[in-house]
C-alpha atoms as a PDB file:
ATOM      1  CA  UNK A   1      11.379  -9.799 -28.238  1.00  0.00           C
ATOM      2  CA  UNK A   2       8.351  -7.534 -28.464  1.00  0.00           C
ATOM      3  CA  UNK A   3       6.070  -7.022 -31.312  1.00  0.00           C
ATOM      4  CA  UNK A   4       4.853  -3.589 -32.325  1.00  0.00           C
ATOM      5  CA  UNK A   5       1.737  -4.245 -30.196  1.00  0.00           C
ATOM      6  CA  UNK A   6       3.869  -4.895 -27.117  1.00  0.00           C
ATOM      7  CA  UNK A   7       2.972  -8.650 -27.261  1.00  0.00           C
ATOM      8  CA  UNK A   8       5.726 -10.953 -26.249  1.00  0.00           C
ATOM      9  CA  UNK A   9       7.125 -13.073 -29.049  1.00  0.00           C
ATOM     10  CA  UNK A  10       9.710 -15.684 -28.555  1.00  0.00           C
ATOM     11  CA  UNK A  11      11.573 -15.188 -25.250  1.00  0.00           C
ATOM     12  CA  UNK A  12       9.891 -13.483 -22.342  1.00  0.00           C
ATOM     13  CA  UNK A  13      11.508 -10.613 -20.703  1.00  0.00           C
ATOM     14  CA  UNK A  14      13.180 -11.434 -17.328  1.00  0.00           C
ATOM     15  CA  UNK A  15      11.016 -11.007 -14.350  1.00  0.00           C
ATOM     16  CA  UNK A  16      11.641  -8.297 -11.803  1.00  0.00           C
ATOM     17  CA  UNK A  17      12.838 -11.115  -9.369  1.00  0.00           C
ATOM     18  CA  UNK A  18      12.577 -14.795  -9.289  1.00  0.00           C
ATOM     19  CA  UNK A  19      13.977 -17.845  -7.436  1.00  0.00           C
ATOM     20  CA  UNK A  20      14.478 -21.248  -9.213  1.00  0.00           C
ATOM     21  CA  UNK A  21      10.832 -22.164  -8.534  1.00  0.00           C
ATOM     22  CA  UNK A  22       9.948 -18.879 -10.128  1.00  0.00           C
ATOM     23  CA  UNK A  23      11.662 -19.884 -13.208  1.00  0.00           C
ATOM     24  CA  UNK A  24       9.311 -22.849 -13.252  1.00  0.00           C
ATOM     25  CA  UNK A  25       6.349 -20.436 -12.998  1.00  0.00           C
ATOM     26  CA  UNK A  26       7.506 -18.475 -15.921  1.00  0.00           C
ATOM     27  CA  UNK A  27       7.696 -21.610 -18.007  1.00  0.00           C
ATOM     28  CA  UNK A  28       4.210 -22.629 -16.847  1.00  0.00           C
ATOM     29  CA  UNK A  29       2.434 -19.295 -17.212  1.00  0.00           C
ATOM     30  CA  UNK A  30       4.463 -17.905 -20.129  1.00  0.00           C
ATOM     31  CA  UNK A  31       4.750 -14.347 -21.377  1.00  0.00           C
ATOM     32  CA  UNK A  32       1.407 -13.396 -19.874  1.00  0.00           C
ATOM     33  CA  UNK A  33       3.116 -13.178 -16.452  1.00  0.00           C
ATOM     34  CA  UNK A  34       5.391 -10.566 -17.461  1.00  0.00           C
ATOM     35  CA  UNK A  35       3.136  -8.460 -19.584  1.00  0.00           C
ATOM     36  CA  UNK A  36       0.257  -8.517 -17.085  1.00  0.00           C
ATOM     37  CA  UNK A  37      -1.008  -5.006 -16.283  1.00  0.00           C
ATOM     38  CA  UNK A  38      -1.506  -6.027 -12.658  1.00  0.00           C
ATOM     39  CA  UNK A  39       1.337  -6.739 -10.159  1.00  0.00           C
ATOM     40  CA  UNK A  40       1.662 -10.494  -9.452  1.00  0.00           C
ATOM     41  CA  UNK A  41       3.684 -12.301  -6.684  1.00  0.00           C
ATOM     42  CA  UNK A  42       4.046 -16.149  -6.827  1.00  0.00           C
ATOM     43  CA  UNK A  43       4.346 -18.185  -3.547  1.00  0.00           C
ATOM     44  CA  UNK A  44       6.092 -21.468  -3.905  1.00  0.00           C
ATOM     45  CA  UNK A  45       5.038 -24.795  -2.398  1.00  0.00           C
ATOM     46  CA  UNK A  46       7.295 -24.021   0.504  1.00  0.00           C
ATOM     47  CA  UNK A  47       5.403 -20.932   1.326  1.00  0.00           C
ATOM     48  CA  UNK A  48       7.998 -18.591   0.365  1.00  0.00           C
ATOM     49  CA  UNK A  49       7.888 -15.736  -2.256  1.00  0.00           C
ATOM     50  CA  UNK A  50       9.441 -17.143  -5.403  1.00  0.00           C
ATOM     51  CA  UNK A  51       8.739 -14.573  -8.250  1.00  0.00           C
ATOM     52  CA  UNK A  52       7.521 -11.061  -8.572  1.00  0.00           C
ATOM     53  CA  UNK A  53       6.634  -9.477 -11.981  1.00  0.00           C
ATOM     54  CA  UNK A  54       7.622  -5.933 -12.941  1.00  0.00           C
ATOM     55  CA  UNK A  55       4.145  -4.493 -12.568  1.00  0.00           C
ATOM     56  CA  UNK A  56       4.041  -5.444  -8.888  1.00  0.00           C
ATOM     57  CA  UNK A  57       7.201  -3.413  -8.273  1.00  0.00           C
ATOM     58  CA  UNK A  58       5.691  -0.425 -10.269  1.00  0.00           C
ATOM     59  CA  UNK A  59       2.259  -0.698  -8.444  1.00  0.00           C
ATOM     60  CA  UNK A  60       3.597  -0.968  -4.872  1.00  0.00           C
ATOM     61  CA  UNK A  61       7.296   0.450  -5.016  1.00  0.00           C
ATOM     62  CA  UNK A  62       8.433  -2.738  -3.299  1.00  0.00           C
ATOM     63  CA  UNK A  63      11.737  -4.168  -4.578  1.00  0.00           C
ATOM     64  CA  UNK A  64      11.241  -7.627  -5.728  1.00  0.00           C
ATOM     65  CA  UNK A  65      14.677  -8.988  -4.840  1.00  0.00           C
ATOM     66  CA  UNK A  66      14.064  -7.816  -1.272  1.00  0.00           C
ATOM     67  CA  UNK A  67      10.942 -10.066  -1.075  1.00  0.00           C
ATOM     68  CA  UNK A  68      12.240 -13.279  -2.785  1.00  0.00           C
ATOM     69  CA  UNK A  69      12.571 -16.083  -0.190  1.00  0.00           C
ATOM     70  CA  UNK A  70      10.527 -14.305   2.392  1.00  0.00           C
ATOM     71  CA  UNK A  71       7.455 -16.148   3.913  1.00  0.00           C
ATOM     72  CA  UNK A  72       4.042 -15.232   2.410  1.00  0.00           C
ATOM     73  CA  UNK A  73       2.968 -13.907   5.750  1.00  0.00           C
ATOM     74  CA  UNK A  74       5.577 -11.150   5.399  1.00  0.00           C
ATOM     75  CA  UNK A  75       4.137 -10.192   2.067  1.00  0.00           C
ATOM     76  CA  UNK A  76       0.663 -10.116   3.661  1.00  0.00           C
ATOM     77  CA  UNK A  77       1.869  -7.850   6.514  1.00  0.00           C
ATOM     78  CA  UNK A  78       3.665  -5.464   3.996  1.00  0.00           C
ATOM     79  CA  UNK A  79       0.564  -5.219   1.766  1.00  0.00           C
ATOM     80  CA  UNK A  80      -1.741  -4.655   4.681  1.00  0.00           C
ATOM     81  CA  UNK A  81       0.281  -1.513   5.686  1.00  0.00           C
ATOM     82  CA  UNK A  82      -0.055  -0.115   2.219  1.00  0.00           C
ATOM     83  CA  UNK A  83      -3.025   1.403   0.497  1.00  0.00           C
ATOM     84  CA  UNK A  84      -3.214  -1.559  -1.834  1.00  0.00           C
ATOM     85  CA  UNK A  85      -6.122  -3.936  -2.037  1.00  0.00           C
ATOM     86  CA  UNK A  86      -4.726  -7.400  -2.955  1.00  0.00           C
ATOM     87  CA  UNK A  87      -6.066 -10.861  -3.628  1.00  0.00           C
ATOM     88  CA  UNK A  88      -4.679 -14.256  -3.140  1.00  0.00           C
ATOM     89  CA  UNK A  89      -5.565 -17.112  -5.382  1.00  0.00           C
ATOM     90  CA  UNK A  90      -4.542 -20.651  -4.885  1.00  0.00           C
ATOM     91  CA  UNK A  91      -3.064 -22.246  -7.939  1.00  0.00           C
ATOM     92  CA  UNK A  92      -1.069 -25.240  -6.832  1.00  0.00           C
ATOM     93  CA  UNK A  93       0.655 -25.939 -10.008  1.00  0.00           C
ATOM     94  CA  UNK A  94       4.236 -26.068 -11.311  1.00  0.00           C
ATOM     95  CA  UNK A  95       5.603 -25.846  -7.765  1.00  0.00           C
ATOM     96  CA  UNK A  96       3.557 -22.781  -7.019  1.00  0.00           C
ATOM     97  CA  UNK A  97       1.010 -22.747  -4.277  1.00  0.00           C
ATOM     98  CA  UNK A  98      -0.614 -19.354  -4.578  1.00  0.00           C
ATOM     99  CA  UNK A  99      -0.526 -16.129  -6.437  1.00  0.00           C
ATOM    100  CA  UNK A 100      -1.140 -12.649  -4.983  1.00  0.00           C
ATOM    101  CA  UNK A 101      -2.188  -9.849  -7.410  1.00  0.00           C
ATOM    102  CA  UNK A 102      -2.796  -6.078  -7.208  1.00  0.00           C
ATOM    103  CA  UNK A 103      -3.967  -3.598  -9.912  1.00  0.00           C
ATOM    104  CA  UNK A 104      -3.127  -0.021 -10.368  1.00  0.00           C
ATOM    105  CA  UNK A 105      -6.795   1.028 -10.610  1.00  0.00           C
ATOM    106  CA  UNK A 106      -7.618  -0.437  -7.291  1.00  0.00           C
ATOM    107  CA  UNK A 107      -4.553   1.300  -5.768  1.00  0.00           C
ATOM    108  CA  UNK A 108      -5.654   4.786  -7.223  1.00  0.00           C
ATOM    109  CA  UNK A 109      -9.150   4.305  -5.803  1.00  0.00           C
ATOM    110  CA  UNK A 110      -7.839   3.375  -2.463  1.00  0.00           C
ATOM    111  CA  UNK A 111      -5.522   6.347  -2.295  1.00  0.00           C
ATOM    112  CA  UNK A 112      -8.357   8.597  -3.043  1.00  0.00           C
ATOM    113  CA  UNK A 113     -10.502   7.035  -0.414  1.00  0.00           C
ATOM    114  CA  UNK A 114      -7.749   7.231   2.181  1.00  0.00           C
ATOM    115  CA  UNK A 115      -7.195  10.823   1.485  1.00  0.00           C
ATOM    116  CA  UNK A 116     -10.796  11.649   1.895  1.00  0.00           C
ATOM    117  CA  UNK A 117     -10.864   9.681   5.248  1.00  0.00           C
ATOM    118  CA  UNK A 118      -7.784  11.554   6.603  1.00  0.00           C
ATOM    119  CA  UNK A 119      -9.072  14.879   5.424  1.00  0.00           C
ATOM    120  CA  UNK A 120     -12.352  14.146   7.156  1.00  0.00           C
ATOM    121  CA  UNK A 121     -10.592  13.053  10.279  1.00  0.00           C
ATOM    122  CA  UNK A 122      -8.692  16.312  10.406  1.00  0.00           C
ATOM    123  CA  UNK A 123     -11.753  18.566   9.638  1.00  0.00           C
ATOM    124  CA  UNK A 124     -13.349  18.240  13.046  1.00  0.00           C
ATOM    125  CA  UNK A 125     -10.432  19.150  15.267  1.00  0.00           C
ATOM    126  CA  UNK A 126      -9.427  21.994  12.986  1.00  0.00           C
ATOM    127  CA  UNK A 127     -12.851  23.451  12.959  1.00  0.00           C
ATOM    128  CA  UNK A 128     -12.838  23.250  16.775  1.00  0.00           C
ATOM    129  CA  UNK A 129      -9.530  25.046  17.050  1.00  0.00           C
ATOM    130  CA  UNK A 130     -10.590  27.646  14.499  1.00  0.00           C
ATOM    131  CA  UNK A 131     -13.828  28.327  16.346  1.00  0.00           C
ATOM    132  CA  UNK A 132     -12.249  28.568  19.780  1.00  0.00           C
ATOM    133  CA  UNK A 133      -9.484  30.873  18.589  1.00  0.00           C
ATOM    134  CA  UNK A 134     -12.090  33.095  16.969  1.00  0.00           C
ATOM    135  CA  UNK A 135     -14.162  33.205  20.217  1.00  0.00           C
ATOM    136  CA  UNK A 136     -11.138  34.088  22.312  1.00  0.00           C
ATOM    137  CA  UNK A 137     -10.114  36.842  19.925  1.00  0.00           C
ATOM    138  CA  UNK A 138     -13.693  38.334  19.802  1.00  0.00           C
ATOM    139  CA  UNK A 139     -14.863  38.008  23.409  1.00  0.00           C
ATOM    140  CA  UNK A 140     -13.479  38.703  26.817  1.00  0.00           C
ATOM    141  CA  UNK A 141     -13.344  35.672  29.010  1.00  0.00           C
ATOM    142  CA  UNK A 142     -12.313  35.263  32.547  1.00  0.00           C
ATOM    143  CA  UNK A 143      -8.901  33.409  33.047  1.00  0.00           C
ATOM    144  CA  UNK A 144     -10.648  30.177  33.907  1.00  0.00           C
ATOM    145  CA  UNK A 145     -12.816  30.202  30.848  1.00  0.00           C
ATOM    146  CA  UNK A 146      -9.679  31.082  28.730  1.00  0.00           C
ATOM    147  CA  UNK A 147      -7.902  28.089  30.349  1.00  0.00           C
ATOM    148  CA  UNK A 148     -10.726  25.683  29.603  1.00  0.00           C
ATOM    149  CA  UNK A 149     -10.871  26.815  25.823  1.00  0.00           C
ATOM    150  CA  UNK A 150      -7.029  26.430  25.607  1.00  0.00           C
ATOM    151  CA  UNK A 151      -7.128  22.945  27.080  1.00  0.00           C
ATOM    152  CA  UNK A 152      -9.875  21.958  24.539  1.00  0.00           C
ATOM    153  CA  UNK A 153      -7.803  23.436  21.797  1.00  0.00           C
ATOM    154  CA  UNK A 154      -4.673  21.492  22.973  1.00  0.00           C
ATOM    155  CA  UNK A 155      -6.659  18.298  22.916  1.00  0.00           C
ATOM    156  CA  UNK A 156      -7.671  18.923  19.348  1.00  0.00           C
ATOM    157  CA  UNK A 157      -4.089  19.570  18.299  1.00  0.00           C
ATOM    158  CA  UNK A 158      -3.047  16.402  20.015  1.00  0.00           C
ATOM    159  CA  UNK A 159      -5.694  14.548  17.972  1.00  0.00           C
ATOM    160  CA  UNK A 160      -4.419  16.103  14.781  1.00  0.00           C
ATOM    161  CA  UNK A 161      -0.858  15.179  15.757  1.00  0.00           C
ATOM    162  CA  UNK A 162      -2.032  11.662  16.452  1.00  0.00           C
ATOM    163  CA  UNK A 163      -3.698  11.314  12.958  1.00  0.00           C
ATOM    164  CA  UNK A 164      -0.566  12.701  11.167  1.00  0.00           C
ATOM    165  CA  UNK A 165       1.842  10.392  13.080  1.00  0.00           C
ATOM    166  CA  UNK A 166      -0.379   7.342  12.337  1.00  0.00           C
ATOM    167  CA  UNK A 167      -0.276   8.203   8.592  1.00  0.00           C
ATOM    168  CA  UNK A 168       3.462   8.841   8.581  1.00  0.00           C
ATOM    169  CA  UNK A 169       4.033   5.483  10.570  1.00  0.00           C
ATOM    170  CA  UNK A 170       1.989   3.590   7.990  1.00  0.00           C
ATOM    171  CA  UNK A 171       3.856   5.233   5.149  1.00  0.00           C
ATOM    172  CA  UNK A 172       7.281   4.370   6.679  1.00  0.00           C
ATOM    173  CA  UNK A 173       6.255   0.718   7.356  1.00  0.00           C
ATOM    174  CA  UNK A 174       5.009   0.358   3.703  1.00  0.00           C
ATOM    175  CA  UNK A 175       8.431   1.297   2.382  1.00  0.00           C
END
């Protein structure tokens, strides 16, 4: 039950996903686990993911029930392929070896930084293509010069395609 200030009173809400050791975690850490504003994933003493709070699912878009029982290394790999900065803290209590956490604020900052980096990566080849196209339209070049300019433009288009494909592959792997 929630108080008017959204503070858990009495029984905590069910976690997004949990195993039997995840239930032990909830008893050990209480309602704070469920109402935390940052995403939290607990790793059991067997090295497997045992509990995930709702904020983690909201932050990452990952489904908790898909992660329960997977090795911690799988979580690390999935988080590395996303925009999220995450931390691992060893706790070694109540059958829980470690906790990973992530915050929305960190994720939003990381998204902005990534967009800026991608935009900067695209700026140079687009400027090159624009400039060479403008030159070819305004000046007469011999066929060999035209061919060289076109090959340079093609190389820049391939660079843009590579940047876009890399971003799409990372996005697909994160889901």
